[in-house]
């Protein structure tokens, strides 16, 4: 069974096996097979993984014909010629390290060897993990913009009207709320609903009053 992802399902955000951990292994990484991972990666990258694995197999068959330096590393121009001929769609030139990287941040000859910050040797497992991390971030962003509490909290924090009400309040990275016995207490959902509704009403009254003042002024003091 493959992996199906929809941002509104929060399947990664609600992964109980890794809650509170920073991009540790997601449960699904150990639940689906390699072919299903490839299919999912392809669906997210316009079939780049399947194409890359075909290219990797081709490289394995032809690598002995690519000239090497005395230290065993591939000669730069020889490797470049092979890439130009076979892998132009994956060419990613870097003047700093003279390497050619695949779309998944590994050279073709090190495609099955993990880097210092990787979790897997197999590029399929590593790419699947990194894509899940990116999708997890999308779920977090979606949650922030669609969760009623966060939407109302952010609206109040960014409101130009709320300070006019005159309530004593605090706000910061932890949220927004009131002080109770010297403690910061976040506004409840009901309080946020009330305050945002009050701000909307006050803003409407300010606009109406401003319009009336402007009209009266222009009537009393015509040009």
C-alpha atoms as a PDB file:
ATOM      1  CA  UNK A   1       0.000   0.000   0.000  1.00  0.00           C
ATOM      2  CA  UNK A   2       1.426   3.372  -1.025  1.00  0.00           C
ATOM      3  CA  UNK A   3       1.549   6.616   0.910  1.00  0.00           C
ATOM      4  CA  UNK A   4      -1.125   9.253   0.298  1.00  0.00           C
ATOM      5  CA  UNK A   5      -0.589  12.756   1.654  1.00  0.00           C
ATOM      6  CA  UNK A   6      -3.026  15.643   2.008  1.00  0.00           C
ATOM      7  CA  UNK A   7      -1.969  18.691   3.964  1.00  0.00           C
ATOM      8  CA  UNK A   8      -5.287  18.956   5.824  1.00  0.00           C
ATOM      9  CA  UNK A   9      -4.967  15.414   7.203  1.00  0.00           C
ATOM     10  CA  UNK A  10      -1.922  16.319   9.351  1.00  0.00           C
ATOM     11  CA  UNK A  11      -0.684  12.729   9.004  1.00  0.00           C
ATOM     12  CA  UNK A  12       2.923  13.801   9.713  1.00  0.00           C
ATOM     13  CA  UNK A  13       2.148  16.439  12.327  1.00  0.00           C
ATOM     14  CA  UNK A  14       0.052  13.888  14.248  1.00  0.00           C
ATOM     15  CA  UNK A  15       2.671  11.121  14.026  1.00  0.00           C
ATOM     16  CA  UNK A  16       2.649   9.990  17.650  1.00  0.00           C
ATOM     17  CA  UNK A  17       5.941   8.106  17.258  1.00  0.00           C
ATOM     18  CA  UNK A  18       7.890  11.306  16.615  1.00  0.00           C
ATOM     19  CA  UNK A  19       5.931  14.083  18.335  1.00  0.00           C
ATOM     20  CA  UNK A  20       8.295  16.577  19.924  1.00  0.00           C
ATOM     21  CA  UNK A  21      11.273  15.313  17.954  1.00  0.00           C
ATOM     22  CA  UNK A  22      13.043  17.387  15.325  1.00  0.00           C
ATOM     23  CA  UNK A  23      12.717  15.546  12.027  1.00  0.00           C
ATOM     24  CA  UNK A  24      13.429  12.109  13.426  1.00  0.00           C
ATOM     25  CA  UNK A  25      12.229   9.124  11.446  1.00  0.00           C
ATOM     26  CA  UNK A  26       8.531   9.284  10.567  1.00  0.00           C
ATOM     27  CA  UNK A  27       6.497   6.127  11.190  1.00  0.00           C
ATOM     28  CA  UNK A  28       5.581   5.747   7.525  1.00  0.00           C
ATOM     29  CA  UNK A  29       9.278   5.436   6.617  1.00  0.00           C
ATOM     30  CA  UNK A  30       9.235   1.945   8.114  1.00  0.00           C
ATOM     31  CA  UNK A  31       5.778   1.026   6.867  1.00  0.00           C
ATOM     32  CA  UNK A  32       5.995   1.161   3.074  1.00  0.00           C
ATOM     33  CA  UNK A  33       8.363  -0.578   0.666  1.00  0.00           C
ATOM     34  CA  UNK A  34      10.997   0.917  -1.625  1.00  0.00           C
ATOM     35  CA  UNK A  35       8.840   0.865  -4.753  1.00  0.00           C
ATOM     36  CA  UNK A  36       6.074   2.770  -2.984  1.00  0.00           C
ATOM     37  CA  UNK A  37       8.612   5.328  -1.779  1.00  0.00           C
ATOM     38  CA  UNK A  38       9.878   5.795  -5.339  1.00  0.00           C
ATOM     39  CA  UNK A  39       6.317   6.242  -6.586  1.00  0.00           C
ATOM     40  CA  UNK A  40       5.620   8.871  -3.937  1.00  0.00           C
ATOM     41  CA  UNK A  41       8.883  10.732  -4.566  1.00  0.00           C
ATOM     42  CA  UNK A  42       8.100  10.731  -8.293  1.00  0.00           C
ATOM     43  CA  UNK A  43       4.684  12.208  -7.588  1.00  0.00           C
ATOM     44  CA  UNK A  44       6.344  15.092  -5.744  1.00  0.00           C
ATOM     45  CA  UNK A  45       9.261  15.661  -8.148  1.00  0.00           C
ATOM     46  CA  UNK A  46       7.958  15.066 -11.665  1.00  0.00           C
ATOM     47  CA  UNK A  47       9.376  11.526 -11.844  1.00  0.00           C
ATOM     48  CA  UNK A  48      12.933  12.606 -11.010  1.00  0.00           C
ATOM     49  CA  UNK A  49      13.693   9.649  -8.762  1.00  0.00           C
ATOM     50  CA  UNK A  50      12.852   6.980 -11.341  1.00  0.00           C
ATOM     51  CA  UNK A  51      14.873   8.835 -13.974  1.00  0.00           C
ATOM     52  CA  UNK A  52      17.798   9.251 -11.605  1.00  0.00           C
ATOM     53  CA  UNK A  53      17.873   5.565 -10.694  1.00  0.00           C
ATOM     54  CA  UNK A  54      17.942   4.676 -14.391  1.00  0.00           C
ATOM     55  CA  UNK A  55      20.838   7.099 -14.798  1.00  0.00           C
ATOM     56  CA  UNK A  56      22.588   5.554 -11.787  1.00  0.00           C
ATOM     57  CA  UNK A  57      22.315   2.064 -13.296  1.00  0.00           C
ATOM     58  CA  UNK A  58      23.772   3.434 -16.517  1.00  0.00           C
ATOM     59  CA  UNK A  59      26.635   5.020 -14.598  1.00  0.00           C
ATOM     60  CA  UNK A  60      27.385   1.753 -12.810  1.00  0.00           C
ATOM     61  CA  UNK A  61      27.698   0.004 -16.191  1.00  0.00           C
ATOM     62  CA  UNK A  62      29.892   2.720 -17.736  1.00  0.00           C
ATOM     63  CA  UNK A  63      31.934   4.031 -14.800  1.00  0.00           C
ATOM     64  CA  UNK A  64      34.972   1.891 -15.667  1.00  0.00           C
ATOM     65  CA  UNK A  65      35.261   3.842 -18.923  1.00  0.00           C
ATOM     66  CA  UNK A  66      35.437   7.176 -17.110  1.00  0.00           C
ATOM     67  CA  UNK A  67      39.070   8.116 -16.542  1.00  0.00           C
ATOM     68  CA  UNK A  68      40.391   8.555 -13.014  1.00  0.00           C
ATOM     69  CA  UNK A  69      43.172  10.442 -11.303  1.00  0.00           C
ATOM     70  CA  UNK A  70      46.058   8.630  -9.657  1.00  0.00           C
ATOM     71  CA  UNK A  71      44.254   8.922  -6.300  1.00  0.00           C
ATOM     72  CA  UNK A  72      41.223   7.067  -7.703  1.00  0.00           C
ATOM     73  CA  UNK A  73      38.945  10.071  -8.081  1.00  0.00           C
ATOM     74  CA  UNK A  74      37.249  10.611 -11.406  1.00  0.00           C
ATOM     75  CA  UNK A  75      38.969  13.037 -13.765  1.00  0.00           C
ATOM     76  CA  UNK A  76      36.987  16.215 -13.860  1.00  0.00           C
ATOM     77  CA  UNK A  77      36.718  16.620 -17.632  1.00  0.00           C
ATOM     78  CA  UNK A  78      36.021  12.941 -18.178  1.00  0.00           C
ATOM     79  CA  UNK A  79      33.186  12.985 -15.642  1.00  0.00           C
ATOM     80  CA  UNK A  80      31.906  16.251 -17.082  1.00  0.00           C
ATOM     81  CA  UNK A  81      31.766  14.739 -20.564  1.00  0.00           C
ATOM     82  CA  UNK A  82      29.799  11.761 -19.277  1.00  0.00           C
ATOM     83  CA  UNK A  83      27.325  14.089 -17.541  1.00  0.00           C
ATOM     84  CA  UNK A  84      26.992  16.321 -20.581  1.00  0.00           C
ATOM     85  CA  UNK A  85      26.187  13.313 -22.722  1.00  0.00           C
ATOM     86  CA  UNK A  86      23.866  11.467 -20.336  1.00  0.00           C
ATOM     87  CA  UNK A  87      22.654  13.668 -17.521  1.00  0.00           C
ATOM     88  CA  UNK A  88      22.144  17.219 -18.722  1.00  0.00           C
ATOM     89  CA  UNK A  89      18.732  17.371 -17.025  1.00  0.00           C
ATOM     90  CA  UNK A  90      20.437  16.750 -13.671  1.00  0.00           C
ATOM     91  CA  UNK A  91      23.483  18.961 -14.201  1.00  0.00           C
ATOM     92  CA  UNK A  92      24.085  21.219 -11.227  1.00  0.00           C
ATOM     93  CA  UNK A  93      27.434  22.950 -11.564  1.00  0.00           C
ATOM     94  CA  UNK A  94      29.265  24.215  -8.482  1.00  0.00           C
ATOM     95  CA  UNK A  95      32.468  26.199  -8.917  1.00  0.00           C
ATOM     96  CA  UNK A  96      33.312  25.702  -5.263  1.00  0.00           C
ATOM     97  CA  UNK A  97      33.590  21.942  -5.006  1.00  0.00           C
ATOM     98  CA  UNK A  98      33.720  20.905  -8.693  1.00  0.00           C
ATOM     99  CA  UNK A  99      30.998  18.320  -8.167  1.00  0.00           C
ATOM    100  CA  UNK A 100      27.917  17.350 -10.111  1.00  0.00           C
ATOM    101  CA  UNK A 101      24.906  16.840  -7.887  1.00  0.00           C
ATOM    102  CA  UNK A 102      21.711  15.020  -8.577  1.00  0.00           C
ATOM    103  CA  UNK A 103      18.358  16.660  -7.705  1.00  0.00           C
ATOM    104  CA  UNK A 104      18.678  14.981  -4.295  1.00  0.00           C
ATOM    105  CA  UNK A 105      22.015  16.519  -3.250  1.00  0.00           C
ATOM    106  CA  UNK A 106      24.316  13.605  -3.982  1.00  0.00           C
ATOM    107  CA  UNK A 107      26.824  12.948  -6.744  1.00  0.00           C
ATOM    108  CA  UNK A 108      25.948  10.157  -9.125  1.00  0.00           C
ATOM    109  CA  UNK A 109      28.905   8.075  -7.935  1.00  0.00           C
ATOM    110  CA  UNK A 110      27.970   8.551  -4.269  1.00  0.00           C
ATOM    111  CA  UNK A 111      24.261   8.106  -4.779  1.00  0.00           C
ATOM    112  CA  UNK A 112      24.083   5.189  -2.346  1.00  0.00           C
ATOM    113  CA  UNK A 113      26.364   6.629   0.359  1.00  0.00           C
ATOM    114  CA  UNK A 114      25.037   8.867   3.089  1.00  0.00           C
ATOM    115  CA  UNK A 115      26.473  12.314   3.664  1.00  0.00           C
ATOM    116  CA  UNK A 116      27.417  13.725   7.083  1.00  0.00           C
ATOM    117  CA  UNK A 117      23.894  15.022   7.737  1.00  0.00           C
ATOM    118  CA  UNK A 118      21.959  12.193   6.092  1.00  0.00           C
ATOM    119  CA  UNK A 119      20.035   9.407   7.804  1.00  0.00           C
ATOM    120  CA  UNK A 120      20.231   6.740   5.095  1.00  0.00           C
ATOM    121  CA  UNK A 121      22.661   5.276   2.573  1.00  0.00           C
ATOM    122  CA  UNK A 122      19.963   4.490   0.010  1.00  0.00           C
ATOM    123  CA  UNK A 123      19.033   7.659  -1.894  1.00  0.00           C
ATOM    124  CA  UNK A 124      15.418   6.490  -2.060  1.00  0.00           C
ATOM    125  CA  UNK A 125      15.117   6.302   1.734  1.00  0.00           C
ATOM    126  CA  UNK A 126      16.969   9.597   2.172  1.00  0.00           C
ATOM    127  CA  UNK A 127      14.948  11.485  -0.440  1.00  0.00           C
ATOM    128  CA  UNK A 128      11.680  10.110   0.985  1.00  0.00           C
ATOM    129  CA  UNK A 129      12.696  11.281   4.465  1.00  0.00           C
ATOM    130  CA  UNK A 130      13.648  14.777   3.273  1.00  0.00           C
ATOM    131  CA  UNK A 131      10.419  15.139   1.324  1.00  0.00           C
ATOM    132  CA  UNK A 132       8.443  14.119   4.428  1.00  0.00           C
ATOM    133  CA  UNK A 133      10.296  16.804   6.410  1.00  0.00           C
ATOM    134  CA  UNK A 134       9.283  19.427   3.849  1.00  0.00           C
ATOM    135  CA  UNK A 135       5.683  18.204   3.865  1.00  0.00           C
ATOM    136  CA  UNK A 136       5.684  18.313   7.660  1.00  0.00           C
ATOM    137  CA  UNK A 137       6.635  22.013   7.446  1.00  0.00           C
ATOM    138  CA  UNK A 138       3.747  22.561   5.047  1.00  0.00           C
ATOM    139  CA  UNK A 139       1.375  20.916   7.538  1.00  0.00           C
ATOM    140  CA  UNK A 140       2.680  23.201  10.292  1.00  0.00           C
ATOM    141  CA  UNK A 141       2.170  26.287   8.118  1.00  0.00           C
ATOM    142  CA  UNK A 142      -1.280  25.115   7.048  1.00  0.00           C
ATOM    143  CA  UNK A 143      -2.266  24.451  10.656  1.00  0.00           C
ATOM    144  CA  UNK A 144      -1.168  27.945  11.666  1.00  0.00           C
ATOM    145  CA  UNK A 145      -3.278  29.593   8.971  1.00  0.00           C
ATOM    146  CA  UNK A 146      -6.337  27.338   9.279  1.00  0.00           C
ATOM    147  CA  UNK A 147      -6.539  26.580  13.000  1.00  0.00           C
ATOM    148  CA  UNK A 148      -9.148  28.937  14.455  1.00  0.00           C
ATOM    149  CA  UNK A 149      -7.214  29.730  17.621  1.00  0.00           C
ATOM    150  CA  UNK A 150      -4.003  30.620  15.763  1.00  0.00           C
ATOM    151  CA  UNK A 151      -5.862  32.616  13.133  1.00  0.00           C
ATOM    152  CA  UNK A 152      -7.642  34.698  15.792  1.00  0.00           C
ATOM    153  CA  UNK A 153      -4.472  35.029  17.879  1.00  0.00           C
ATOM    154  CA  UNK A 154      -2.443  36.334  14.930  1.00  0.00           C
ATOM    155  CA  UNK A 155      -5.252  38.642  13.876  1.00  0.00           C
ATOM    156  CA  UNK A 156      -5.357  40.208  17.348  1.00  0.00           C
ATOM    157  CA  UNK A 157      -1.573  40.541  17.579  1.00  0.00           C
ATOM    158  CA  UNK A 158      -1.492  42.364  14.237  1.00  0.00           C
ATOM    159  CA  UNK A 159      -4.543  44.496  14.945  1.00  0.00           C
ATOM    160  CA  UNK A 160      -4.165  48.291  14.969  1.00  0.00           C
ATOM    161  CA  UNK A 161      -7.541  48.573  16.674  1.00  0.00           C
ATOM    162  CA  UNK A 162      -7.036  46.285  19.685  1.00  0.00           C
ATOM    163  CA  UNK A 163      -4.661  48.660  21.568  1.00  0.00           C
ATOM    164  CA  UNK A 164      -7.362  51.352  21.372  1.00  0.00           C
ATOM    165  CA  UNK A 165      -9.625  49.273  23.608  1.00  0.00           C
ATOM    166  CA  UNK A 166      -7.315  49.990  26.529  1.00  0.00           C
ATOM    167  CA  UNK A 167      -6.971  46.505  27.991  1.00  0.00           C
ATOM    168  CA  UNK A 168      -3.693  45.583  29.624  1.00  0.00           C
ATOM    169  CA  UNK A 169      -2.239  42.677  27.725  1.00  0.00           C
ATOM    170  CA  UNK A 170       1.008  40.990  26.740  1.00  0.00           C
ATOM    171  CA  UNK A 171       2.091  39.339  23.529  1.00  0.00           C
ATOM    172  CA  UNK A 172       5.170  37.590  22.189  1.00  0.00           C
ATOM    173  CA  UNK A 173       6.354  34.374  20.612  1.00  0.00           C
ATOM    174  CA  UNK A 174       4.241  32.450  23.144  1.00  0.00           C
ATOM    175  CA  UNK A 175       1.025  34.142  22.068  1.00  0.00           C
ATOM    176  CA  UNK A 176      -1.149  36.921  23.494  1.00  0.00           C
ATOM    177  CA  UNK A 177      -3.074  37.205  26.744  1.00  0.00           C
ATOM    178  CA  UNK A 178      -3.581  38.911  30.088  1.00  0.00           C
ATOM    179  CA  UNK A 179      -1.795  38.974  33.399  1.00  0.00           C
ATOM    180  CA  UNK A 180      -3.418  37.056  36.262  1.00  0.00           C
ATOM    181  CA  UNK A 181      -1.752  37.372  39.670  1.00  0.00           C
ATOM    182  CA  UNK A 182       1.519  38.288  37.994  1.00  0.00           C
ATOM    183  CA  UNK A 183       1.384  35.364  35.572  1.00  0.00           C
ATOM    184  CA  UNK A 184       1.034  35.478  31.812  1.00  0.00           C
ATOM    185  CA  UNK A 185      -2.162  33.689  30.877  1.00  0.00           C
ATOM    186  CA  UNK A 186      -3.077  33.222  27.234  1.00  0.00           C
ATOM    187  CA  UNK A 187      -6.470  34.354  26.021  1.00  0.00           C
ATOM    188  CA  UNK A 188      -8.907  31.485  25.631  1.00  0.00           C
ATOM    189  CA  UNK A 189     -10.568  30.778  22.301  1.00  0.00           C
ATOM    190  CA  UNK A 190     -13.787  32.379  23.578  1.00  0.00           C
ATOM    191  CA  UNK A 191     -11.877  35.495  24.670  1.00  0.00           C
ATOM    192  CA  UNK A 192     -10.165  35.733  21.273  1.00  0.00           C
ATOM    193  CA  UNK A 193     -13.500  35.447  19.506  1.00  0.00           C
ATOM    194  CA  UNK A 194     -14.978  38.196  21.697  1.00  0.00           C
ATOM    195  CA  UNK A 195     -12.021  40.553  21.330  1.00  0.00           C
ATOM    196  CA  UNK A 196     -11.719  40.111  17.574  1.00  0.00           C
ATOM    197  CA  UNK A 197     -15.455  40.684  17.174  1.00  0.00           C
ATOM    198  CA  UNK A 198     -15.150  43.800  19.339  1.00  0.00           C
ATOM    199  CA  UNK A 199     -12.248  45.059  17.227  1.00  0.00           C
ATOM    200  CA  UNK A 200     -14.223  44.498  14.028  1.00  0.00           C
ATOM    201  CA  UNK A 201     -17.168  46.464  15.441  1.00  0.00           C
ATOM    202  CA  UNK A 202     -14.929  49.270  16.695  1.00  0.00           C
ATOM    203  CA  UNK A 203     -13.148  49.468  13.352  1.00  0.00           C
ATOM    204  CA  UNK A 204     -16.510  49.774  11.610  1.00  0.00           C
ATOM    205  CA  UNK A 205     -17.589  52.573  13.952  1.00  0.00           C
ATOM    206  CA  UNK A 206     -14.277  54.389  13.429  1.00  0.00           C
ATOM    207  CA  UNK A 207     -14.691  54.203   9.664  1.00  0.00           C
ATOM    208  CA  UNK A 208     -18.287  55.461   9.852  1.00  0.00           C
ATOM    209  CA  UNK A 209     -17.350  58.278  12.237  1.00  0.00           C
ATOM    210  CA  UNK A 210     -14.361  59.218  10.092  1.00  0.00           C
ATOM    211  CA  UNK A 211     -16.546  59.332   6.997  1.00  0.00           C
ATOM    212  CA  UNK A 212     -19.078  61.584   8.774  1.00  0.00           C
ATOM    213  CA  UNK A 213     -16.359  63.924  10.068  1.00  0.00           C
ATOM    214  CA  UNK A 214     -14.848  64.143   6.594  1.00  0.00           C
ATOM    215  CA  UNK A 215     -18.225  64.882   5.030  1.00  0.00           C
ATOM    216  CA  UNK A 216     -19.096  67.515   7.682  1.00  0.00           C
ATOM    217  CA  UNK A 217     -15.687  69.192   7.277  1.00  0.00           C
ATOM    218  CA  UNK A 218     -16.012  69.374   3.507  1.00  0.00           C
ATOM    219  CA  UNK A 219     -19.524  70.801   3.925  1.00  0.00           C
ATOM    220  CA  UNK A 220     -18.526  73.417   6.496  1.00  0.00           C
ATOM    221  CA  UNK A 221     -15.233  74.336   4.860  1.00  0.00           C
ATOM    222  CA  UNK A 222     -15.738  73.955   1.143  1.00  0.00           C
ATOM    223  CA  UNK A 223     -12.871  74.695  -1.217  1.00  0.00           C
END
